[in-house]
Each structure stands twice: as C-alpha cells, then as structure tokens.
Protein backbone atom coordinates (compact mmCIF):
# COMPACT_ATOMS: atom_id res chain seq x y z
CA MET A 1 -9.66 3.50 7.98
CA GLU A 2 -7.94 6.48 9.70
CA ASN A 3 -7.46 4.52 12.91
CA LYS A 4 -5.86 1.63 11.28
CA LYS A 5 -2.46 0.45 10.37
CA TYR A 6 -1.42 -1.92 7.69
CA ALA A 7 1.16 -4.59 7.04
CA LEU A 8 2.16 -6.85 4.04
CA ASN A 9 0.74 -10.36 4.32
CA LEU A 10 4.12 -12.10 3.93
CA GLU A 11 2.45 -15.45 3.68
CA LYS A 12 0.67 -14.21 0.53
CA VAL A 13 3.12 -11.57 -1.02
CA LEU A 14 6.73 -10.31 -1.24
CA PHE A 15 7.62 -6.65 -2.23
CA THR A 16 10.69 -5.63 -4.02
CA PRO A 17 11.33 -2.01 -4.42
CA LEU A 18 13.03 -0.83 -7.50
CA GLU A 19 14.28 2.58 -8.50
CA ASP A 20 11.06 4.47 -8.53
CA ASP A 21 8.61 1.67 -8.68
CA GLY A 22 8.39 -1.97 -7.53
CA VAL A 23 7.32 -5.54 -7.92
CA LEU A 24 4.80 -7.43 -5.87
CA TYR A 25 5.21 -11.35 -6.01
CA VAL A 26 2.12 -13.27 -5.32
CA ILE A 27 3.53 -16.59 -3.72
CA ASP A 28 0.48 -18.94 -4.11
CA GLU A 29 -0.01 -17.75 -7.78
CA ASN A 30 3.62 -17.72 -8.76
CA LYS A 31 2.84 -14.25 -10.35
CA TYR A 32 4.65 -11.03 -10.49
CA ILE A 33 2.82 -7.53 -10.53
CA SER A 34 4.64 -4.45 -11.67
CA LEU A 35 3.77 -1.50 -9.56
CA ASN A 36 3.90 2.01 -10.67
CA GLU A 37 5.59 4.73 -8.57
CA THR A 38 2.56 5.54 -6.41
CA TYR A 39 1.40 2.15 -5.84
CA ALA A 40 5.08 1.05 -4.83
CA LEU A 41 5.26 3.94 -2.39
CA ILE A 42 1.95 2.92 -0.80
CA ILE A 43 3.27 -0.78 -0.41
CA LYS A 44 6.50 0.55 0.92
CA TYR A 45 4.60 2.40 3.66
CA VAL A 46 2.32 -0.69 4.22
CA SER A 47 5.44 -2.97 4.55
CA ALA A 48 6.86 -0.55 7.19
CA GLU A 49 3.46 -1.00 9.05
CA HIS A 50 2.61 2.73 8.93
CA LYS A 51 -0.83 4.04 9.90
CA PHE A 52 -3.37 5.29 7.43
CA GLN A 53 -2.75 8.90 8.57
CA PHE A 54 1.00 8.67 7.85
CA ILE A 55 0.56 7.19 4.48
CA LEU A 56 -2.06 9.88 3.50
CA GLU A 57 0.15 12.75 4.70
CA HIS A 58 3.15 11.39 2.85
CA LEU A 59 1.27 10.87 -0.36
CA ILE A 60 -0.23 14.39 -0.07
CA SER A 61 3.15 15.98 0.25
CA THR A 62 4.94 13.83 -2.32
CA TYR A 63 2.34 14.31 -5.13
CA ASP A 64 0.72 17.74 -4.09
CA VAL A 65 -2.70 16.23 -4.47
CA ASP A 66 -6.06 17.34 -2.87
CA ARG A 67 -6.51 15.79 0.48
CA GLU A 68 -10.06 14.48 -0.18
CA VAL A 69 -9.06 13.00 -3.61
CA CYS A 70 -5.93 11.44 -2.11
CA LYS A 71 -7.95 9.79 0.83
CA LEU A 72 -10.52 8.33 -1.38
CA GLN A 73 -8.06 6.82 -3.76
CA LEU A 74 -5.88 5.51 -0.88
CA GLU A 75 -9.03 3.96 0.69
CA THR A 76 -9.88 2.31 -2.53
CA VAL A 77 -6.28 0.81 -3.09
CA LEU A 78 -6.12 -0.32 0.58
CA THR A 79 -9.58 -1.94 0.36
CA GLU A 80 -8.41 -3.76 -2.84
CA LEU A 81 -5.29 -4.98 -1.30
CA ILE A 82 -7.09 -6.31 1.69
CA ALA A 83 -9.72 -8.00 -0.33
CA LYS A 84 -7.00 -9.84 -2.23
CA LYS A 85 -5.37 -10.64 1.09
CA TYR A 86 -2.09 -9.01 -0.01
CA ILE A 87 -2.13 -6.75 3.14
CA LEU A 88 -3.42 -7.13 6.69
CA GLU A 89 -5.06 -4.28 8.73
CA SER A 90 -5.28 -3.66 12.34
CA ILE A 91 -6.92 -1.05 14.52
CA VAL A 92 -4.58 1.11 16.56
C-alpha cells in the first residue's frame, strides 16, 4: 500500500467535513455515515488524493501513535473502504 495513492469514488460517495468529524453520503444507498475525527481525517486526505505515506505520517504526528500500529490500522481502514468501493487506489 505504501506506493499507492487514493481518491474518493465520487460516483459512489460524497464527503462533507464538519468541525472535527464528517459525514459520508453513499449515493446509491441514499445513506449517511457519521465519521469520527480520525476516520474523517483519513477521508479528508483521501479526497485530496494523497499517498499512503503522507496519510500515515500525518496521522502519526496528529495522534502521537506508534508507527506500526498506525500503519496496520490505516491499511485496514483503506482496505475496507476499497472493498466497499468508496475509494479508489492507484499505484504511483
């Protein structure tokens, strides 16, 4: 995942950032998903089409979390979002 970047699948979802969190709207299901602060930050970076490493570094500095723990959790979140087709990945 480290040599990949991500983008929101705008045919599937729309993201609305709020003060510290956000909302993801799933278009074809007409469903809103409330995002906590961390999840919203990940989606914010994905919507800006940042690379995995950029997202990882910013999460580590924002939350002062262990690198390996953060990397594993970020990979899990991104894999889940890709499986649901909410985000797209590309190799850089």
